[in-house]
Structures are given as structure tokens and as C-alpha cells.
């Protein structure tokens, strides 16, 4: 199981909220989140409620100031715990939205989609096995609140947690 503690202010100050599972909207617990401690497990945190918008992967450790660590957003609004996975990893990536265009299947990390597959755009994906830094099935990355974004690499979440 995982455990993460969110704080309203930098350096673990202000009100806190402890979470040991998914939380689709933290606004009823905290007005903002600018630091956190991951005490166990791994989590994906999101800039907007309902797991939308920019996301950031967090593993065990202390995060004193979210913006100084390179997070591109100023507060966390939702989070998902990433369960440990033993077994194969498989994901299909598609050139176009709604699983259209060329399709390629990944079973390991891919540092450059362009170099490996000569694929200039990755606009939708379907995670079939394991946990990747993009969990689930997305007909369009706009569903994640990321219109105009391009994915150029994919990472499995293996023993990071």
C-alpha cells in the first residue's frame, strides 16, 4: 500500500491531508498543495481534479517545493496510487486520435518513438498490461487535458516503487 501526505505550503507547512488511495478532488481538504511526502509506494499527481491536466510521477521521498522540482503547475488537485505490478508490460500506441493510423506495440521502455518507429506523432494509446507513466486507455490525449501535447517516449513503472 502507498501513503502520501500533502501540505498547503512549501516545506511541509500549513494544513495537511494524508492519502492512501486515489483522490479525485483534494479541494475539499486543502486549498492548494505546494509540498508533500511520499512515505510509501508511488503516486501520479495531477494539476486538475478528476486526474486531468498535467501529471507528475512521485516515488518515495520528500518534495519540499513542487515548483522548484520542475513541476509545471502550481498546485496538485488529484492523485492516483500506482499499485505494484508483477508480470508483462504491453501498450499500444497510435499515430492518430481514436486509435487511428499506424499502431505499434511496446513491451519495454522507449526513449524515442521517432527513432524506433519513425512515428512523428503519438495521439492515442491503450495500456493492456502493467503500469506506464500514462495509465489506461486514451482515445485522445485531449481527454487528459493535454491538447497539443506530443508523447515522444514511454516508460514502464517497474521496480521504481
C-alpha atoms as a PDB file:
ATOM      1  CA  UNK A   1       0.000   0.000   0.000  1.00  0.00           C
ATOM      2  CA  UNK A   2       1.049   3.566  -0.523  1.00  0.00           C
ATOM      3  CA  UNK A   3       0.871   6.652   1.634  1.00  0.00           C
ATOM      4  CA  UNK A   4       1.326  10.286   0.661  1.00  0.00           C
ATOM      5  CA  UNK A   5       0.879  13.422   2.784  1.00  0.00           C
ATOM      6  CA  UNK A   6       0.089  16.721   1.054  1.00  0.00           C
ATOM      7  CA  UNK A   7       0.743  20.159   2.586  1.00  0.00           C
ATOM      8  CA  UNK A   8      -0.735  23.512   1.623  1.00  0.00           C
ATOM      9  CA  UNK A   9       2.556  25.382   1.939  1.00  0.00           C
ATOM     10  CA  UNK A  10       6.151  24.759   0.937  1.00  0.00           C
ATOM     11  CA  UNK A  11       8.457  22.904   3.354  1.00  0.00           C
ATOM     12  CA  UNK A  12       5.630  20.804   4.829  1.00  0.00           C
ATOM     13  CA  UNK A  13       3.847  23.753   6.407  1.00  0.00           C
ATOM     14  CA  UNK A  14       0.152  24.588   6.717  1.00  0.00           C
ATOM     15  CA  UNK A  15      -2.758  22.203   6.736  1.00  0.00           C
ATOM     16  CA  UNK A  16      -2.093  18.632   5.615  1.00  0.00           C
ATOM     17  CA  UNK A  17      -4.045  15.817   4.028  1.00  0.00           C
ATOM     18  CA  UNK A  18      -2.993  12.158   4.267  1.00  0.00           C
ATOM     19  CA  UNK A  19      -3.947   9.873   1.408  1.00  0.00           C
ATOM     20  CA  UNK A  20      -3.564   6.100   1.000  1.00  0.00           C
ATOM     21  CA  UNK A  21      -5.593   5.614  -2.189  1.00  0.00           C
ATOM     22  CA  UNK A  22      -6.889   7.545  -5.191  1.00  0.00           C
ATOM     23  CA  UNK A  23      -8.336  11.011  -4.584  1.00  0.00           C
ATOM     24  CA  UNK A  24     -10.235  12.610  -7.462  1.00  0.00           C
ATOM     25  CA  UNK A  25     -10.541  16.076  -5.875  1.00  0.00           C
ATOM     26  CA  UNK A  26      -8.449  17.364  -2.973  1.00  0.00           C
ATOM     27  CA  UNK A  27     -10.053  20.823  -2.927  1.00  0.00           C
ATOM     28  CA  UNK A  28     -12.361  19.885  -0.041  1.00  0.00           C
ATOM     29  CA  UNK A  29      -9.282  19.012   2.081  1.00  0.00           C
ATOM     30  CA  UNK A  30      -6.733  21.645   1.026  1.00  0.00           C
ATOM     31  CA  UNK A  31      -6.963  24.982  -0.753  1.00  0.00           C
ATOM     32  CA  UNK A  32      -3.699  24.189  -2.577  1.00  0.00           C
ATOM     33  CA  UNK A  33      -0.747  21.802  -2.336  1.00  0.00           C
ATOM     34  CA  UNK A  34       2.813  23.030  -2.574  1.00  0.00           C
ATOM     35  CA  UNK A  35       4.775  20.253  -0.842  1.00  0.00           C
ATOM     36  CA  UNK A  36       4.345  16.576   0.020  1.00  0.00           C
ATOM     37  CA  UNK A  37       5.947  13.469   1.472  1.00  0.00           C
ATOM     38  CA  UNK A  38       5.565  10.090  -0.201  1.00  0.00           C
ATOM     39  CA  UNK A  39       6.025   7.721   2.728  1.00  0.00           C
ATOM     40  CA  UNK A  40       5.488   4.530   0.732  1.00  0.00           C
ATOM     41  CA  UNK A  41       4.529   3.446  -2.753  1.00  0.00           C
ATOM     42  CA  UNK A  42       4.259   5.562  -5.892  1.00  0.00           C
ATOM     43  CA  UNK A  43       1.678   8.105  -6.969  1.00  0.00           C
ATOM     44  CA  UNK A  44       0.729  10.075 -10.045  1.00  0.00           C
ATOM     45  CA  UNK A  45      -0.395  13.601  -9.150  1.00  0.00           C
ATOM     46  CA  UNK A  46      -2.436  15.890 -11.405  1.00  0.00           C
ATOM     47  CA  UNK A  47      -2.903  19.636 -11.706  1.00  0.00           C
ATOM     48  CA  UNK A  48      -6.697  19.395 -12.007  1.00  0.00           C
ATOM     49  CA  UNK A  49      -9.468  17.378 -10.331  1.00  0.00           C
ATOM     50  CA  UNK A  50     -10.539  14.017 -11.787  1.00  0.00           C
ATOM     51  CA  UNK A  51      -6.998  13.091 -12.879  1.00  0.00           C
ATOM     52  CA  UNK A  52      -6.890  15.712 -15.608  1.00  0.00           C
ATOM     53  CA  UNK A  53      -4.259  18.106 -16.905  1.00  0.00           C
ATOM     54  CA  UNK A  54      -0.529  17.936 -16.413  1.00  0.00           C
ATOM     55  CA  UNK A  55       0.705  14.991 -14.379  1.00  0.00           C
ATOM     56  CA  UNK A  56       3.797  14.274 -12.318  1.00  0.00           C
ATOM     57  CA  UNK A  57       5.149  10.899 -11.121  1.00  0.00           C
ATOM     58  CA  UNK A  58       6.175  10.735  -7.455  1.00  0.00           C
ATOM     59  CA  UNK A  59       8.023   7.946  -5.675  1.00  0.00           C
ATOM     60  CA  UNK A  60       9.064   7.643  -2.036  1.00  0.00           C
ATOM     61  CA  UNK A  61      10.721  10.821  -0.815  1.00  0.00           C
ATOM     62  CA  UNK A  62      10.257  14.395   0.345  1.00  0.00           C
ATOM     63  CA  UNK A  63       9.179  17.143  -2.020  1.00  0.00           C
ATOM     64  CA  UNK A  64       9.776  20.473  -0.222  1.00  0.00           C
ATOM     65  CA  UNK A  65       8.728  22.770  -3.057  1.00  0.00           C
ATOM     66  CA  UNK A  66       6.827  21.383  -6.011  1.00  0.00           C
ATOM     67  CA  UNK A  67       7.665  24.224  -8.402  1.00  0.00           C
ATOM     68  CA  UNK A  68      11.399  24.071  -7.674  1.00  0.00           C
ATOM     69  CA  UNK A  69      11.426  20.399  -8.614  1.00  0.00           C
ATOM     70  CA  UNK A  70      10.325  21.207 -12.139  1.00  0.00           C
ATOM     71  CA  UNK A  71       6.603  20.653 -11.784  1.00  0.00           C
ATOM     72  CA  UNK A  72       4.965  22.710 -14.484  1.00  0.00           C
ATOM     73  CA  UNK A  73       1.883  23.546 -12.386  1.00  0.00           C
ATOM     74  CA  UNK A  74       1.429  25.380  -9.099  1.00  0.00           C
ATOM     75  CA  UNK A  75      -0.786  23.001  -7.138  1.00  0.00           C
ATOM     76  CA  UNK A  76      -1.912  19.381  -7.007  1.00  0.00           C
ATOM     77  CA  UNK A  77      -5.679  18.769  -7.277  1.00  0.00           C
ATOM     78  CA  UNK A  78      -5.943  14.958  -7.591  1.00  0.00           C
ATOM     79  CA  UNK A  79      -3.773  11.844  -7.218  1.00  0.00           C
ATOM     80  CA  UNK A  80      -3.716   8.149  -8.060  1.00  0.00           C
ATOM     81  CA  UNK A  81      -1.826   5.452  -6.218  1.00  0.00           C
ATOM     82  CA  UNK A  82       0.096   3.173  -8.573  1.00  0.00           C
ATOM     83  CA  UNK A  83      -0.152  -0.441  -7.398  1.00  0.00           C
ATOM     84  CA  UNK A  84       2.858  -2.710  -7.654  1.00  0.00           C
ATOM     85  CA  UNK A  85       2.786  -4.850 -10.808  1.00  0.00           C
ATOM     86  CA  UNK A  86       4.462  -8.196 -11.431  1.00  0.00           C
ATOM     87  CA  UNK A  87       4.170  -9.530 -14.906  1.00  0.00           C
ATOM     88  CA  UNK A  88       4.364  -8.405 -18.512  1.00  0.00           C
ATOM     89  CA  UNK A  89       4.120  -4.855 -19.804  1.00  0.00           C
ATOM     90  CA  UNK A  90       2.212  -4.109 -23.026  1.00  0.00           C
ATOM     91  CA  UNK A  91       0.922  -0.900 -24.521  1.00  0.00           C
ATOM     92  CA  UNK A  92      -0.306   0.003 -27.991  1.00  0.00           C
ATOM     93  CA  UNK A  93       0.407   3.471 -29.304  1.00  0.00           C
ATOM     94  CA  UNK A  94      -1.393   5.048 -32.228  1.00  0.00           C
ATOM     95  CA  UNK A  95      -0.429   7.765 -34.646  1.00  0.00           C
ATOM     96  CA  UNK A  96      -3.901   9.383 -34.597  1.00  0.00           C
ATOM     97  CA  UNK A  97      -6.728  10.034 -32.138  1.00  0.00           C
ATOM     98  CA  UNK A  98      -9.358   7.317 -31.555  1.00  0.00           C
ATOM     99  CA  UNK A  99      -6.767   4.580 -32.117  1.00  0.00           C
ATOM    100  CA  UNK A 100      -6.286   5.516 -35.763  1.00  0.00           C
ATOM    101  CA  UNK A 101      -3.324   5.465 -38.106  1.00  0.00           C
ATOM    102  CA  UNK A 102      -0.238   3.336 -37.583  1.00  0.00           C
ATOM    103  CA  UNK A 103      -0.216   1.171 -34.436  1.00  0.00           C
ATOM    104  CA  UNK A 104       2.834  -0.124 -32.603  1.00  0.00           C
ATOM    105  CA  UNK A 105       3.039  -2.330 -29.543  1.00  0.00           C
ATOM    106  CA  UNK A 106       5.511  -1.582 -26.765  1.00  0.00           C
ATOM    107  CA  UNK A 107       6.712  -4.121 -24.211  1.00  0.00           C
ATOM    108  CA  UNK A 108       9.610  -2.148 -22.803  1.00  0.00           C
ATOM    109  CA  UNK A 109      10.731   1.452 -22.349  1.00  0.00           C
ATOM    110  CA  UNK A 110      11.034   3.554 -25.477  1.00  0.00           C
ATOM    111  CA  UNK A 111      13.329   6.584 -25.301  1.00  0.00           C
ATOM    112  CA  UNK A 112      12.368   7.869 -28.731  1.00  0.00           C
ATOM    113  CA  UNK A 113       9.214   6.912 -30.596  1.00  0.00           C
ATOM    114  CA  UNK A 114      10.535   8.777 -33.643  1.00  0.00           C
ATOM    115  CA  UNK A 115      13.817   6.835 -33.736  1.00  0.00           C
ATOM    116  CA  UNK A 116      12.332   3.398 -33.037  1.00  0.00           C
ATOM    117  CA  UNK A 117       9.178   3.551 -35.167  1.00  0.00           C
ATOM    118  CA  UNK A 118       9.675   6.580 -37.434  1.00  0.00           C
ATOM    119  CA  UNK A 119       6.451   7.851 -35.900  1.00  0.00           C
ATOM    120  CA  UNK A 120       6.184  11.638 -35.756  1.00  0.00           C
ATOM    121  CA  UNK A 121       3.027  11.780 -33.594  1.00  0.00           C
ATOM    122  CA  UNK A 122       1.533   9.606 -30.871  1.00  0.00           C
ATOM    123  CA  UNK A 123      -2.042  10.809 -30.367  1.00  0.00           C
ATOM    124  CA  UNK A 124      -3.733   7.895 -28.527  1.00  0.00           C
ATOM    125  CA  UNK A 125      -2.777   4.762 -26.595  1.00  0.00           C
ATOM    126  CA  UNK A 126      -4.116   1.668 -24.860  1.00  0.00           C
ATOM    127  CA  UNK A 127      -2.297   0.181 -21.853  1.00  0.00           C
ATOM    128  CA  UNK A 128      -3.022  -3.543 -21.847  1.00  0.00           C
ATOM    129  CA  UNK A 129      -0.634  -4.874 -19.171  1.00  0.00           C
ATOM    130  CA  UNK A 130       1.379  -3.242 -16.424  1.00  0.00           C
ATOM    131  CA  UNK A 131       1.633   0.367 -15.370  1.00  0.00           C
ATOM    132  CA  UNK A 132       3.160   3.006 -17.571  1.00  0.00           C
ATOM    133  CA  UNK A 133       3.591   6.695 -16.959  1.00  0.00           C
ATOM    134  CA  UNK A 134       0.368   7.003 -18.983  1.00  0.00           C
ATOM    135  CA  UNK A 135      -2.088   4.536 -17.370  1.00  0.00           C
ATOM    136  CA  UNK A 136      -5.296   3.463 -19.055  1.00  0.00           C
ATOM    137  CA  UNK A 137      -6.838   3.916 -22.463  1.00  0.00           C
ATOM    138  CA  UNK A 138      -6.940   7.298 -24.185  1.00  0.00           C
ATOM    139  CA  UNK A 139      -8.763   7.836 -27.451  1.00  0.00           C
ATOM    140  CA  UNK A 140      -7.325  11.324 -27.445  1.00  0.00           C
ATOM    141  CA  UNK A 141      -4.760  12.978 -25.222  1.00  0.00           C
ATOM    142  CA  UNK A 142      -7.217  15.875 -25.019  1.00  0.00           C
ATOM    143  CA  UNK A 143      -9.125  13.564 -22.615  1.00  0.00           C
ATOM    144  CA  UNK A 144      -6.224  14.065 -20.244  1.00  0.00           C
ATOM    145  CA  UNK A 145      -6.458  17.839 -20.612  1.00  0.00           C
ATOM    146  CA  UNK A 146      -3.352  17.884 -22.777  1.00  0.00           C
ATOM    147  CA  UNK A 147      -4.417  19.143 -26.172  1.00  0.00           C
ATOM    148  CA  UNK A 148      -1.474  19.910 -28.409  1.00  0.00           C
ATOM    149  CA  UNK A 149       0.903  17.688 -26.409  1.00  0.00           C
ATOM    150  CA  UNK A 150       3.090  15.095 -28.108  1.00  0.00           C
ATOM    151  CA  UNK A 151       4.465  11.977 -26.457  1.00  0.00           C
ATOM    152  CA  UNK A 152       7.954  11.216 -27.642  1.00  0.00           C
ATOM    153  CA  UNK A 153       8.902   8.490 -25.118  1.00  0.00           C
ATOM    154  CA  UNK A 154       7.173   5.917 -22.902  1.00  0.00           C
ATOM    155  CA  UNK A 155       8.330   4.487 -19.551  1.00  0.00           C
ATOM    156  CA  UNK A 156       7.200   1.414 -17.674  1.00  0.00           C
ATOM    157  CA  UNK A 157       6.730   1.724 -13.936  1.00  0.00           C
ATOM    158  CA  UNK A 158       8.657  -1.327 -12.809  1.00  0.00           C
ATOM    159  CA  UNK A 159      10.535  -1.543  -9.519  1.00  0.00           C
ATOM    160  CA  UNK A 160      10.580   2.256  -9.039  1.00  0.00           C
ATOM    161  CA  UNK A 161       8.036   1.925  -6.237  1.00  0.00           C
END
